[in-house]
Amino acid sequence: MSNPFTNDAGTRQSQAGAPGFMWALVGIMALIELVLSLSSSGLFGTQDLRWPAFLLGAFWQPLLSGGVMPAYPGQPVLMFVTYAFLHGGILHLVMNGVILLSLGKFVSAQIGAARTLAVLFAAAVGGAACFGLLSSSGAPMIGASGAVFGLIGLWQVMEYRLRRRRGLPVRPVVMGVLGLALVNVVLFMMLSGGLAWEAHLGGWIAGWLAAQSFARV
């Protein structure tokens, strides 16, 4: 995706790297995944902690329908956020972490840290809500991809508006949206249904809505 964002003088708005709060978020995810990976390999603790962590922190659709009882008070509410800090392995974490840091750098330069955090929160909740409404899976849903797609949705709306204001073609943005949909379809088929496309959709919608409201620029 192109980066046409510039200030009124025509100078591109940017910063040296991802802001500290984005590094902190990804760092927390990385620390959790490191502990889980080490425990899975037998190098940390006396048992594999991954499944207990999923049991307590993943998003479980059956908890919404009442099919199973929560493991602790408040779990049906907290899981709308906690699932985003859990991943299925190092590669899963790296993919989401790199995109969060890259997009977080540019988005925060446009709307600031507080609103970027609000977008991430809304996208995580939106992704979980969409998954809960559209999926009937009894498997745990994990990963920060809902938040990732929230930043993508926000970014695409920003770019669309800027292109319209400057008389630039909006076709790249439209193709980007269609490309995201196609990638999700392909990955869903390749992973034999093991892709939480519902969370991606919900996160993207939350980012789109944020761009129309509190994160509008």
N, C-alpha and C. Protein backbone atom coordinates (compact mmCIF):
# COMPACT_ATOMS: atom_id res chain seq x y z
N MET A 1 0.84 -1.18 0.00
CA MET A 1 0.00 0.00 0.00
C MET A 1 0.88 1.24 0.00
N SER A 2 0.54 2.22 -0.80
CA SER A 2 1.35 3.42 -0.89
C SER A 2 1.17 4.28 0.35
N ASN A 3 2.07 5.25 0.50
CA ASN A 3 2.00 6.12 1.67
C ASN A 3 2.00 7.57 1.19
N PRO A 4 0.82 8.10 0.82
CA PRO A 4 0.76 9.46 0.31
C PRO A 4 0.61 10.50 1.40
N PHE A 5 0.69 10.13 2.67
CA PHE A 5 0.44 11.08 3.75
C PHE A 5 1.55 12.12 3.83
N THR A 6 1.17 13.36 3.73
CA THR A 6 2.09 14.49 3.86
C THR A 6 1.41 15.58 4.64
N ASN A 7 2.20 16.51 5.16
CA ASN A 7 1.58 17.64 5.85
C ASN A 7 1.22 18.72 4.85
N ASP A 8 0.71 19.85 5.33
CA ASP A 8 0.24 20.90 4.44
C ASP A 8 1.35 21.49 3.58
N ALA A 9 2.58 21.39 4.04
CA ALA A 9 3.70 21.94 3.28
C ALA A 9 4.20 20.95 2.24
N GLY A 10 3.64 19.75 2.24
CA GLY A 10 4.03 18.76 1.25
C GLY A 10 5.12 17.84 1.72
N THR A 11 5.47 17.92 3.01
CA THR A 11 6.51 17.06 3.56
C THR A 11 5.88 15.84 4.20
N ARG A 12 6.38 14.67 3.89
CA ARG A 12 5.81 13.45 4.44
C ARG A 12 5.95 13.43 5.96
N GLN A 13 4.83 13.09 6.61
CA GLN A 13 4.83 12.96 8.06
C GLN A 13 5.29 11.56 8.42
N SER A 14 6.30 11.47 9.25
CA SER A 14 6.83 10.16 9.63
C SER A 14 7.57 10.31 10.94
N GLN A 15 8.15 9.24 11.39
CA GLN A 15 8.97 9.25 12.58
C GLN A 15 10.02 8.18 12.44
N ALA A 16 11.04 8.23 13.28
CA ALA A 16 12.19 7.36 13.10
C ALA A 16 11.84 5.89 13.20
N GLY A 17 10.90 5.55 14.05
CA GLY A 17 10.53 4.16 14.23
C GLY A 17 9.18 4.07 14.91
N ALA A 18 8.77 2.86 15.21
CA ALA A 18 7.50 2.68 15.89
C ALA A 18 7.56 3.32 17.27
N PRO A 19 6.46 3.93 17.71
CA PRO A 19 6.47 4.60 19.03
C PRO A 19 6.61 3.59 20.16
N GLY A 20 7.00 4.10 21.32
CA GLY A 20 7.27 3.23 22.46
C GLY A 20 6.08 2.40 22.89
N PHE A 21 4.86 2.97 22.83
CA PHE A 21 3.70 2.21 23.30
C PHE A 21 3.42 1.01 22.40
N MET A 22 3.76 1.13 21.09
CA MET A 22 3.57 -0.01 20.20
C MET A 22 4.59 -1.09 20.50
N TRP A 23 5.84 -0.68 20.76
CA TRP A 23 6.86 -1.64 21.16
C TRP A 23 6.47 -2.34 22.46
N ALA A 24 5.86 -1.58 23.38
CA ALA A 24 5.45 -2.17 24.66
C ALA A 24 4.37 -3.23 24.44
N LEU A 25 3.39 -2.92 23.60
CA LEU A 25 2.31 -3.88 23.31
C LEU A 25 2.87 -5.16 22.68
N VAL A 26 3.67 -4.97 21.64
CA VAL A 26 4.25 -6.14 20.97
C VAL A 26 5.20 -6.87 21.90
N GLY A 27 5.89 -6.12 22.76
CA GLY A 27 6.79 -6.75 23.73
C GLY A 27 6.05 -7.65 24.70
N ILE A 28 4.88 -7.21 25.15
CA ILE A 28 4.07 -8.05 26.04
C ILE A 28 3.65 -9.32 25.33
N MET A 29 3.21 -9.19 24.07
CA MET A 29 2.84 -10.37 23.29
C MET A 29 4.04 -11.31 23.12
N ALA A 30 5.21 -10.72 22.86
CA ALA A 30 6.41 -11.52 22.64
C ALA A 30 6.82 -12.25 23.92
N LEU A 31 6.72 -11.57 25.05
CA LEU A 31 7.07 -12.19 26.33
C LEU A 31 6.15 -13.37 26.63
N ILE A 32 4.86 -13.18 26.40
CA ILE A 32 3.90 -14.26 26.62
C ILE A 32 4.22 -15.44 25.72
N GLU A 33 4.47 -15.16 24.43
CA GLU A 33 4.76 -16.25 23.49
C GLU A 33 6.08 -16.93 23.83
N LEU A 34 7.07 -16.17 24.30
CA LEU A 34 8.34 -16.77 24.68
C LEU A 34 8.15 -17.76 25.82
N VAL A 35 7.39 -17.36 26.83
CA VAL A 35 7.14 -18.26 27.96
C VAL A 35 6.40 -19.51 27.50
N LEU A 36 5.39 -19.34 26.65
CA LEU A 36 4.62 -20.48 26.18
C LEU A 36 5.46 -21.40 25.30
N SER A 37 6.29 -20.81 24.45
CA SER A 37 7.15 -21.62 23.57
C SER A 37 8.17 -22.40 24.38
N LEU A 38 8.77 -21.75 25.37
CA LEU A 38 9.76 -22.43 26.21
C LEU A 38 9.12 -23.55 27.02
N SER A 39 7.91 -23.30 27.50
CA SER A 39 7.23 -24.36 28.25
C SER A 39 6.84 -25.52 27.35
N SER A 40 6.47 -25.21 26.10
CA SER A 40 6.12 -26.27 25.16
C SER A 40 7.32 -27.14 24.81
N SER A 41 8.51 -26.52 24.81
CA SER A 41 9.73 -27.27 24.49
C SER A 41 10.34 -27.94 25.72
N GLY A 42 9.75 -27.72 26.88
CA GLY A 42 10.26 -28.33 28.11
C GLY A 42 11.39 -27.58 28.77
N LEU A 43 11.67 -26.36 28.29
CA LEU A 43 12.77 -25.59 28.83
C LEU A 43 12.34 -24.63 29.94
N PHE A 44 11.04 -24.58 30.19
CA PHE A 44 10.54 -23.67 31.22
C PHE A 44 9.40 -24.36 31.96
N GLY A 45 9.50 -24.44 33.26
CA GLY A 45 8.45 -25.05 34.06
C GLY A 45 8.39 -26.56 33.92
N THR A 46 7.39 -27.13 34.53
CA THR A 46 7.25 -28.58 34.53
C THR A 46 6.12 -29.06 33.63
N GLN A 47 5.39 -28.12 33.01
CA GLN A 47 4.30 -28.52 32.11
C GLN A 47 4.18 -27.53 30.97
N ASP A 48 3.50 -27.96 29.92
CA ASP A 48 3.22 -27.10 28.77
C ASP A 48 2.12 -26.12 29.16
N LEU A 49 2.45 -24.84 29.16
CA LEU A 49 1.51 -23.82 29.60
C LEU A 49 0.61 -23.29 28.50
N ARG A 50 0.83 -23.72 27.25
CA ARG A 50 0.10 -23.12 26.14
C ARG A 50 -1.41 -23.39 26.26
N TRP A 51 -1.78 -24.63 26.49
CA TRP A 51 -3.20 -24.93 26.54
C TRP A 51 -3.87 -24.28 27.75
N PRO A 52 -3.27 -24.31 28.95
CA PRO A 52 -3.88 -23.56 30.06
C PRO A 52 -4.04 -22.07 29.76
N ALA A 53 -3.06 -21.50 29.05
CA ALA A 53 -3.16 -20.08 28.69
C ALA A 53 -4.32 -19.85 27.73
N PHE A 54 -4.46 -20.75 26.76
CA PHE A 54 -5.58 -20.65 25.82
C PHE A 54 -6.91 -20.81 26.56
N LEU A 55 -6.94 -21.73 27.49
CA LEU A 55 -8.16 -21.99 28.24
C LEU A 55 -8.63 -20.75 28.99
N LEU A 56 -7.66 -19.98 29.50
CA LEU A 56 -7.99 -18.80 30.31
C LEU A 56 -8.09 -17.52 29.50
N GLY A 57 -7.34 -17.41 28.40
CA GLY A 57 -7.27 -16.12 27.71
C GLY A 57 -7.77 -16.08 26.30
N ALA A 58 -7.95 -17.21 25.64
CA ALA A 58 -8.42 -17.22 24.26
C ALA A 58 -9.89 -16.82 24.19
N PHE A 59 -10.36 -16.51 22.98
CA PHE A 59 -11.78 -16.23 22.78
C PHE A 59 -12.48 -17.53 22.45
N TRP A 60 -13.49 -17.84 23.23
CA TRP A 60 -14.25 -19.08 23.06
C TRP A 60 -15.69 -18.74 22.71
N GLN A 61 -16.09 -19.07 21.50
CA GLN A 61 -17.46 -18.79 21.07
C GLN A 61 -18.50 -19.49 21.95
N PRO A 62 -18.26 -20.73 22.40
CA PRO A 62 -19.25 -21.40 23.26
C PRO A 62 -19.53 -20.68 24.57
N LEU A 63 -18.60 -19.83 25.02
CA LEU A 63 -18.87 -19.07 26.24
C LEU A 63 -19.99 -18.06 26.03
N LEU A 64 -20.13 -17.57 24.80
CA LEU A 64 -21.19 -16.61 24.51
C LEU A 64 -22.55 -17.29 24.44
N SER A 65 -22.56 -18.47 23.87
CA SER A 65 -23.82 -19.19 23.70
C SER A 65 -24.24 -19.95 24.95
N GLY A 66 -23.38 -19.97 25.95
CA GLY A 66 -23.70 -20.69 27.18
C GLY A 66 -23.43 -22.18 27.10
N GLY A 67 -22.72 -22.58 26.04
CA GLY A 67 -22.42 -24.00 25.87
C GLY A 67 -21.45 -24.53 26.90
N VAL A 68 -20.59 -23.66 27.41
CA VAL A 68 -19.65 -24.04 28.47
C VAL A 68 -19.65 -22.96 29.53
N MET A 69 -19.22 -23.31 30.70
CA MET A 69 -19.15 -22.36 31.80
C MET A 69 -17.78 -21.67 31.80
N PRO A 70 -17.71 -20.39 32.19
CA PRO A 70 -16.42 -19.70 32.25
C PRO A 70 -15.50 -20.30 33.30
N ALA A 71 -14.20 -20.19 33.06
CA ALA A 71 -13.22 -20.72 34.01
C ALA A 71 -13.06 -19.81 35.20
N TYR A 72 -13.45 -18.54 35.07
CA TYR A 72 -13.35 -17.58 36.17
C TYR A 72 -14.35 -16.45 35.91
N PRO A 73 -14.74 -15.72 36.94
CA PRO A 73 -15.70 -14.63 36.76
C PRO A 73 -15.14 -13.56 35.80
N GLY A 74 -15.99 -13.12 34.89
CA GLY A 74 -15.58 -12.07 33.96
C GLY A 74 -14.92 -12.57 32.69
N GLN A 75 -14.66 -13.85 32.58
CA GLN A 75 -13.99 -14.35 31.39
C GLN A 75 -14.73 -14.05 30.09
N PRO A 76 -16.07 -14.18 30.06
CA PRO A 76 -16.79 -13.88 28.81
C PRO A 76 -16.61 -12.44 28.33
N VAL A 77 -16.25 -11.54 29.24
CA VAL A 77 -16.00 -10.14 28.85
C VAL A 77 -14.52 -9.92 28.56
N LEU A 78 -13.66 -10.38 29.44
CA LEU A 78 -12.22 -10.16 29.28
C LEU A 78 -11.66 -10.82 28.03
N MET A 79 -12.24 -11.93 27.62
CA MET A 79 -11.69 -12.65 26.46
C MET A 79 -11.80 -11.84 25.18
N PHE A 80 -12.64 -10.80 25.15
CA PHE A 80 -12.74 -9.94 23.97
C PHE A 80 -11.45 -9.15 23.72
N VAL A 81 -10.58 -9.11 24.75
CA VAL A 81 -9.30 -8.41 24.62
C VAL A 81 -8.13 -9.35 24.82
N THR A 82 -8.22 -10.26 25.79
CA THR A 82 -7.07 -11.10 26.14
C THR A 82 -6.63 -12.00 24.99
N TYR A 83 -7.56 -12.41 24.14
CA TYR A 83 -7.19 -13.30 23.03
C TYR A 83 -6.14 -12.69 22.12
N ALA A 84 -6.15 -11.35 22.02
CA ALA A 84 -5.23 -10.67 21.11
C ALA A 84 -3.78 -10.75 21.57
N PHE A 85 -3.55 -11.09 22.83
CA PHE A 85 -2.18 -11.18 23.34
C PHE A 85 -1.61 -12.59 23.24
N LEU A 86 -2.41 -13.53 22.78
CA LEU A 86 -1.98 -14.92 22.65
C LEU A 86 -1.79 -15.29 21.19
N HIS A 87 -0.77 -16.11 20.92
CA HIS A 87 -0.51 -16.53 19.54
C HIS A 87 -0.22 -18.03 19.50
N GLY A 88 -0.29 -18.56 18.30
CA GLY A 88 -0.12 -20.00 18.13
C GLY A 88 1.31 -20.43 17.93
N GLY A 89 2.26 -19.50 17.99
CA GLY A 89 3.66 -19.82 17.80
C GLY A 89 4.44 -18.57 17.43
N ILE A 90 5.75 -18.73 17.31
CA ILE A 90 6.63 -17.59 17.01
C ILE A 90 6.28 -16.95 15.67
N LEU A 91 6.05 -17.75 14.64
CA LEU A 91 5.76 -17.21 13.31
C LEU A 91 4.48 -16.39 13.34
N HIS A 92 3.46 -16.90 14.00
CA HIS A 92 2.19 -16.18 14.13
C HIS A 92 2.41 -14.83 14.80
N LEU A 93 3.20 -14.82 15.86
CA LEU A 93 3.50 -13.58 16.57
C LEU A 93 4.28 -12.61 15.69
N VAL A 94 5.31 -13.11 15.00
CA VAL A 94 6.15 -12.24 14.17
C VAL A 94 5.33 -11.57 13.08
N MET A 95 4.46 -12.33 12.43
CA MET A 95 3.64 -11.77 11.35
C MET A 95 2.78 -10.62 11.87
N ASN A 96 2.08 -10.84 12.99
CA ASN A 96 1.23 -9.79 13.53
C ASN A 96 2.06 -8.65 14.11
N GLY A 97 3.17 -8.97 14.79
CA GLY A 97 3.98 -7.95 15.42
C GLY A 97 4.61 -6.99 14.43
N VAL A 98 5.11 -7.52 13.33
CA VAL A 98 5.75 -6.67 12.31
C VAL A 98 4.74 -5.69 11.72
N ILE A 99 3.53 -6.18 11.42
CA ILE A 99 2.52 -5.30 10.84
C ILE A 99 2.06 -4.26 11.86
N LEU A 100 1.89 -4.68 13.11
CA LEU A 100 1.49 -3.72 14.14
C LEU A 100 2.51 -2.60 14.29
N LEU A 101 3.79 -2.95 14.31
CA LEU A 101 4.83 -1.93 14.46
C LEU A 101 4.91 -1.03 13.23
N SER A 102 4.79 -1.62 12.05
CA SER A 102 4.90 -0.84 10.82
C SER A 102 3.73 0.12 10.65
N LEU A 103 2.50 -0.41 10.75
CA LEU A 103 1.33 0.44 10.60
C LEU A 103 1.16 1.37 11.79
N GLY A 104 1.49 0.87 12.99
CA GLY A 104 1.36 1.70 14.18
C GLY A 104 2.22 2.94 14.10
N LYS A 105 3.38 2.82 13.47
CA LYS A 105 4.28 3.97 13.30
C LYS A 105 3.60 5.08 12.51
N PHE A 106 2.99 4.73 11.39
CA PHE A 106 2.40 5.75 10.52
C PHE A 106 1.05 6.24 11.05
N VAL A 107 0.25 5.33 11.59
CA VAL A 107 -1.06 5.73 12.10
C VAL A 107 -0.91 6.65 13.31
N SER A 108 0.00 6.31 14.23
CA SER A 108 0.17 7.15 15.41
C SER A 108 0.72 8.52 15.05
N ALA A 109 1.48 8.61 13.96
CA ALA A 109 1.97 9.91 13.52
C ALA A 109 0.83 10.79 13.04
N GLN A 110 -0.27 10.18 12.62
CA GLN A 110 -1.42 10.94 12.12
C GLN A 110 -2.42 11.27 13.22
N ILE A 111 -2.68 10.34 14.13
CA ILE A 111 -3.76 10.54 15.09
C ILE A 111 -3.30 10.53 16.55
N GLY A 112 -2.02 10.26 16.81
CA GLY A 112 -1.51 10.26 18.16
C GLY A 112 -1.64 8.93 18.86
N ALA A 113 -0.97 8.82 20.00
CA ALA A 113 -0.91 7.55 20.72
C ALA A 113 -2.25 7.14 21.31
N ALA A 114 -2.97 8.09 21.94
CA ALA A 114 -4.22 7.75 22.62
C ALA A 114 -5.25 7.20 21.64
N ARG A 115 -5.41 7.87 20.51
CA ARG A 115 -6.41 7.42 19.55
C ARG A 115 -5.97 6.13 18.85
N THR A 116 -4.67 5.94 18.66
CA THR A 116 -4.19 4.69 18.09
C THR A 116 -4.50 3.52 19.02
N LEU A 117 -4.26 3.71 20.31
CA LEU A 117 -4.59 2.67 21.29
C LEU A 117 -6.09 2.40 21.30
N ALA A 118 -6.89 3.45 21.16
CA ALA A 118 -8.34 3.27 21.13
C ALA A 118 -8.77 2.47 19.90
N VAL A 119 -8.12 2.73 18.77
CA VAL A 119 -8.42 1.97 17.55
C VAL A 119 -8.06 0.50 17.74
N LEU A 120 -6.89 0.25 18.31
CA LEU A 120 -6.47 -1.13 18.55
C LEU A 120 -7.45 -1.86 19.46
N PHE A 121 -7.87 -1.18 20.52
CA PHE A 121 -8.83 -1.78 21.45
C PHE A 121 -10.15 -2.07 20.75
N ALA A 122 -10.66 -1.07 20.01
CA ALA A 122 -11.94 -1.25 19.31
C ALA A 122 -11.85 -2.36 18.28
N ALA A 123 -10.71 -2.46 17.58
CA ALA A 123 -10.55 -3.48 16.55
C ALA A 123 -10.46 -4.88 17.17
N ALA A 124 -9.78 -4.99 18.31
CA ALA A 124 -9.71 -6.28 18.99
C ALA A 124 -11.09 -6.73 19.43
N VAL A 125 -11.84 -5.82 20.04
CA VAL A 125 -13.20 -6.13 20.49
C VAL A 125 -14.10 -6.42 19.28
N GLY A 126 -13.98 -5.59 18.24
CA GLY A 126 -14.80 -5.80 17.05
C GLY A 126 -14.50 -7.13 16.38
N GLY A 127 -13.23 -7.50 16.33
CA GLY A 127 -12.86 -8.78 15.74
C GLY A 127 -13.44 -9.94 16.51
N ALA A 128 -13.38 -9.87 17.83
CA ALA A 128 -13.94 -10.93 18.67
C ALA A 128 -15.46 -10.99 18.53
N ALA A 129 -16.10 -9.82 18.50
CA ALA A 129 -17.55 -9.78 18.39
C ALA A 129 -18.02 -10.39 17.07
N CYS A 130 -17.33 -10.05 16.00
CA CYS A 130 -17.69 -10.59 14.69
C CYS A 130 -17.48 -12.10 14.66
N PHE A 131 -16.39 -12.56 15.24
CA PHE A 131 -16.13 -14.00 15.31
C PHE A 131 -17.22 -14.69 16.13
N GLY A 132 -17.59 -14.09 17.25
CA GLY A 132 -18.62 -14.67 18.10
C GLY A 132 -19.97 -14.75 17.42
N LEU A 133 -20.27 -13.78 16.55
CA LEU A 133 -21.55 -13.75 15.87
C LEU A 133 -21.60 -14.67 14.65
N LEU A 134 -20.50 -14.76 13.93
CA LEU A 134 -20.51 -15.47 12.64
C LEU A 134 -19.96 -16.88 12.71
N SER A 135 -19.15 -17.18 13.70
CA SER A 135 -18.52 -18.50 13.77
C SER A 135 -19.26 -19.41 14.74
N SER A 136 -19.29 -20.67 14.40
CA SER A 136 -19.86 -21.68 15.29
C SER A 136 -18.77 -22.62 15.79
N SER A 137 -17.52 -22.22 15.59
CA SER A 137 -16.39 -23.06 15.98
C SER A 137 -16.28 -23.17 17.50
N GLY A 138 -15.95 -24.36 17.96
CA GLY A 138 -15.71 -24.56 19.37
C GLY A 138 -14.26 -24.44 19.74
N ALA A 139 -13.40 -24.15 18.74
CA ALA A 139 -11.96 -24.03 18.97
C ALA A 139 -11.62 -22.64 19.50
N PRO A 140 -10.51 -22.50 20.22
CA PRO A 140 -10.12 -21.18 20.71
C PRO A 140 -9.66 -20.28 19.58
N MET A 141 -10.02 -18.99 19.65
CA MET A 141 -9.58 -18.01 18.67
C MET A 141 -8.55 -17.12 19.34
N ILE A 142 -7.38 -16.99 18.73
CA ILE A 142 -6.27 -16.23 19.32
C ILE A 142 -5.61 -15.36 18.26
N GLY A 143 -4.80 -14.40 18.72
CA GLY A 143 -3.99 -13.62 17.80
C GLY A 143 -4.41 -12.16 17.72
N ALA A 144 -3.46 -11.30 17.35
CA ALA A 144 -3.70 -9.86 17.25
C ALA A 144 -4.15 -9.43 15.87
N SER A 145 -4.55 -10.37 15.02
CA SER A 145 -4.89 -10.01 13.65
C SER A 145 -6.14 -9.13 13.58
N GLY A 146 -7.05 -9.24 14.55
CA GLY A 146 -8.19 -8.33 14.56
C GLY A 146 -7.73 -6.90 14.71
N ALA A 147 -6.78 -6.66 15.63
CA ALA A 147 -6.21 -5.33 15.82
C ALA A 147 -5.44 -4.90 14.58
N VAL A 148 -4.71 -5.83 13.97
CA VAL A 148 -3.96 -5.54 12.75
C VAL A 148 -4.90 -5.06 11.66
N PHE A 149 -5.99 -5.77 11.45
CA PHE A 149 -6.94 -5.38 10.40
C PHE A 149 -7.65 -4.09 10.75
N GLY A 150 -7.76 -3.76 12.03
CA GLY A 150 -8.30 -2.47 12.40
C GLY A 150 -7.41 -1.33 11.91
N LEU A 151 -6.10 -1.48 12.08
CA LEU A 151 -5.17 -0.47 11.59
C LEU A 151 -5.20 -0.40 10.07
N ILE A 152 -5.33 -1.56 9.42
CA ILE A 152 -5.40 -1.58 7.96
C ILE A 152 -6.65 -0.84 7.48
N GLY A 153 -7.80 -1.13 8.11
CA GLY A 153 -9.03 -0.46 7.71
C GLY A 153 -8.94 1.04 7.89
N LEU A 154 -8.39 1.47 9.02
CA LEU A 154 -8.21 2.90 9.28
C LEU A 154 -7.29 3.53 8.25
N TRP A 155 -6.19 2.86 7.97
CA TRP A 155 -5.20 3.37 7.02
C TRP A 155 -5.80 3.52 5.62
N GLN A 156 -6.59 2.54 5.21
CA GLN A 156 -7.18 2.59 3.88
C GLN A 156 -8.18 3.73 3.74
N VAL A 157 -8.94 4.00 4.80
CA VAL A 157 -9.87 5.14 4.75
C VAL A 157 -9.08 6.44 4.69
N MET A 158 -8.02 6.56 5.48
CA MET A 158 -7.18 7.76 5.43
C MET A 158 -6.63 7.99 4.03
N GLU A 159 -6.11 6.93 3.45
CA GLU A 159 -5.52 7.06 2.12
C GLU A 159 -6.57 7.41 1.07
N TYR A 160 -7.73 6.82 1.19
CA TYR A 160 -8.81 7.10 0.25
C TYR A 160 -9.19 8.59 0.30
N ARG A 161 -9.35 9.11 1.53
CA ARG A 161 -9.73 10.50 1.67
C ARG A 161 -8.65 11.44 1.12
N LEU A 162 -7.41 11.13 1.41
CA LEU A 162 -6.32 11.98 0.95
C LEU A 162 -6.23 11.99 -0.57
N ARG A 163 -6.42 10.83 -1.16
CA ARG A 163 -6.38 10.75 -2.62
C ARG A 163 -7.53 11.54 -3.25
N ARG A 164 -8.70 11.48 -2.62
CA ARG A 164 -9.84 12.24 -3.14
C ARG A 164 -9.57 13.73 -3.05
N ARG A 165 -8.99 14.17 -1.91
CA ARG A 165 -8.72 15.60 -1.74
C ARG A 165 -7.70 16.11 -2.76
N ARG A 166 -6.76 15.26 -3.12
CA ARG A 166 -5.68 15.70 -4.02
C ARG A 166 -5.93 15.33 -5.47
N GLY A 167 -7.09 14.76 -5.74
CA GLY A 167 -7.42 14.42 -7.11
C GLY A 167 -6.64 13.24 -7.64
N LEU A 168 -6.12 12.41 -6.74
CA LEU A 168 -5.37 11.22 -7.15
C LEU A 168 -6.33 10.05 -7.34
N PRO A 169 -5.97 9.08 -8.17
CA PRO A 169 -6.84 7.92 -8.37
C PRO A 169 -6.99 7.11 -7.08
N VAL A 170 -8.19 6.64 -6.84
CA VAL A 170 -8.46 5.85 -5.63
C VAL A 170 -8.42 4.35 -5.94
N ARG A 171 -8.10 4.01 -7.18
CA ARG A 171 -8.06 2.60 -7.56
C ARG A 171 -7.11 1.78 -6.70
N PRO A 172 -5.91 2.31 -6.33
CA PRO A 172 -5.02 1.51 -5.47
C PRO A 172 -5.67 1.12 -4.13
N VAL A 173 -6.50 2.00 -3.57
CA VAL A 173 -7.15 1.69 -2.31
C VAL A 173 -8.21 0.61 -2.52
N VAL A 174 -9.00 0.76 -3.57
CA VAL A 174 -10.02 -0.24 -3.88
C VAL A 174 -9.38 -1.60 -4.12
N MET A 175 -8.29 -1.61 -4.88
CA MET A 175 -7.60 -2.87 -5.14
C MET A 175 -7.01 -3.45 -3.87
N GLY A 176 -6.58 -2.58 -2.96
CA GLY A 176 -6.05 -3.05 -1.69
C GLY A 176 -7.11 -3.77 -0.86
N VAL A 177 -8.33 -3.20 -0.84
CA VAL A 177 -9.43 -3.82 -0.10
C VAL A 177 -9.78 -5.18 -0.72
N LEU A 178 -9.88 -5.20 -2.06
CA LEU A 178 -10.19 -6.46 -2.75
C LEU A 178 -9.08 -7.48 -2.55
N GLY A 179 -7.83 -7.00 -2.52
CA GLY A 179 -6.70 -7.89 -2.30
C GLY A 179 -6.75 -8.53 -0.92
N LEU A 180 -7.13 -7.74 0.09
CA LEU A 180 -7.26 -8.29 1.44
C LEU A 180 -8.30 -9.40 1.48
N ALA A 181 -9.43 -9.15 0.81
CA ALA A 181 -10.49 -10.16 0.79
C ALA A 181 -10.00 -11.44 0.11
N LEU A 182 -9.29 -11.27 -1.01
CA LEU A 182 -8.79 -12.42 -1.76
C LEU A 182 -7.78 -13.22 -0.93
N VAL A 183 -6.88 -12.52 -0.27
CA VAL A 183 -5.88 -13.20 0.56
C VAL A 183 -6.55 -14.02 1.66
N ASN A 184 -7.59 -13.47 2.25
CA ASN A 184 -8.30 -14.20 3.30
C ASN A 184 -8.98 -15.45 2.75
N VAL A 185 -9.54 -15.34 1.56
CA VAL A 185 -10.17 -16.51 0.94
C VAL A 185 -9.14 -17.59 0.65
N VAL A 186 -8.01 -17.18 0.08
CA VAL A 186 -6.96 -18.14 -0.26
C VAL A 186 -6.40 -18.82 0.98
N LEU A 187 -6.09 -18.02 2.01
CA LEU A 187 -5.54 -18.59 3.25
C LEU A 187 -6.56 -19.49 3.95
N PHE A 188 -7.84 -19.11 3.90
CA PHE A 188 -8.87 -19.94 4.50
C PHE A 188 -8.91 -21.32 3.85
N MET A 189 -8.75 -21.34 2.53
CA MET A 189 -8.76 -22.61 1.80
C MET A 189 -7.47 -23.39 2.07
N MET A 190 -6.34 -22.70 2.08
CA MET A 190 -5.06 -23.37 2.31
C MET A 190 -4.98 -23.97 3.71
N LEU A 191 -5.59 -23.28 4.67
CA LEU A 191 -5.53 -23.74 6.06
C LEU A 191 -6.73 -24.61 6.42
N SER A 192 -7.48 -25.01 5.41
CA SER A 192 -8.64 -25.90 5.62
C SER A 192 -9.61 -25.35 6.66
N GLY A 193 -9.88 -24.05 6.55
CA GLY A 193 -10.83 -23.42 7.46
C GLY A 193 -10.23 -22.96 8.77
N GLY A 194 -8.92 -23.06 8.91
CA GLY A 194 -8.28 -22.69 10.17
C GLY A 194 -7.92 -21.23 10.28
N LEU A 195 -8.57 -20.38 9.50
CA LEU A 195 -8.30 -18.94 9.54
C LEU A 195 -9.53 -18.23 10.11
N ALA A 196 -9.31 -17.39 11.09
CA ALA A 196 -10.43 -16.66 11.71
C ALA A 196 -10.73 -15.41 10.90
N TRP A 197 -11.27 -15.62 9.69
CA TRP A 197 -11.57 -14.48 8.82
C TRP A 197 -12.62 -13.57 9.44
N GLU A 198 -13.45 -14.13 10.31
CA GLU A 198 -14.47 -13.31 10.96
C GLU A 198 -13.84 -12.23 11.84
N ALA A 199 -12.74 -12.59 12.52
CA ALA A 199 -12.04 -11.61 13.35
C ALA A 199 -11.37 -10.55 12.48
N HIS A 200 -10.85 -10.95 11.33
CA HIS A 200 -10.25 -9.99 10.40
C HIS A 200 -11.31 -9.00 9.91
N LEU A 201 -12.48 -9.53 9.55
CA LEU A 201 -13.56 -8.67 9.07
C LEU A 201 -14.02 -7.71 10.16
N GLY A 202 -14.22 -8.23 11.37
CA GLY A 202 -14.66 -7.37 12.46
C GLY A 202 -13.66 -6.30 12.81
N GLY A 203 -12.37 -6.66 12.79
CA GLY A 203 -11.33 -5.67 13.06
C GLY A 203 -11.29 -4.59 12.00
N TRP A 204 -11.41 -5.00 10.73
CA TRP A 204 -11.39 -4.03 9.63
C TRP A 204 -12.57 -3.07 9.72
N ILE A 205 -13.76 -3.61 10.02
CA ILE A 205 -14.94 -2.76 10.16
C ILE A 205 -14.76 -1.77 11.30
N ALA A 206 -14.18 -2.23 12.42
CA ALA A 206 -13.94 -1.33 13.55
C ALA A 206 -12.98 -0.21 13.16
N GLY A 207 -11.93 -0.55 12.40
CA GLY A 207 -11.00 0.48 11.93
C GLY A 207 -11.67 1.46 11.00
N TRP A 208 -12.54 0.94 10.12
CA TRP A 208 -13.28 1.80 9.19
C TRP A 208 -14.19 2.75 9.95
N LEU A 209 -14.90 2.22 10.95
CA LEU A 209 -15.79 3.06 11.75
C LEU A 209 -15.00 4.10 12.55
N ALA A 210 -13.83 3.71 13.06
CA ALA A 210 -12.99 4.66 13.80
C ALA A 210 -12.57 5.81 12.90
N ALA A 211 -12.28 5.49 11.65
CA ALA A 211 -11.86 6.54 10.70
C ALA A 211 -12.99 7.50 10.37
N GLN A 212 -14.24 7.08 10.61
CA GLN A 212 -15.38 7.95 10.37
C GLN A 212 -15.76 8.76 11.62
N SER A 213 -15.14 8.43 12.75
CA SER A 213 -15.55 9.06 14.00
C SER A 213 -14.36 9.61 14.79
N PHE A 214 -13.97 8.92 15.86
CA PHE A 214 -12.98 9.50 16.78
C PHE A 214 -11.56 9.55 16.21
N ALA A 215 -11.28 8.76 15.17
CA ALA A 215 -9.93 8.76 14.59
C ALA A 215 -9.91 9.46 13.23
N ARG A 216 -10.90 10.24 12.95
CA ARG A 216 -10.97 10.92 11.66
C ARG A 216 -9.91 12.01 11.56
N VAL A 217 -9.26 12.08 10.41
CA VAL A 217 -8.26 13.15 10.16
C VAL A 217 -8.58 13.86 8.87
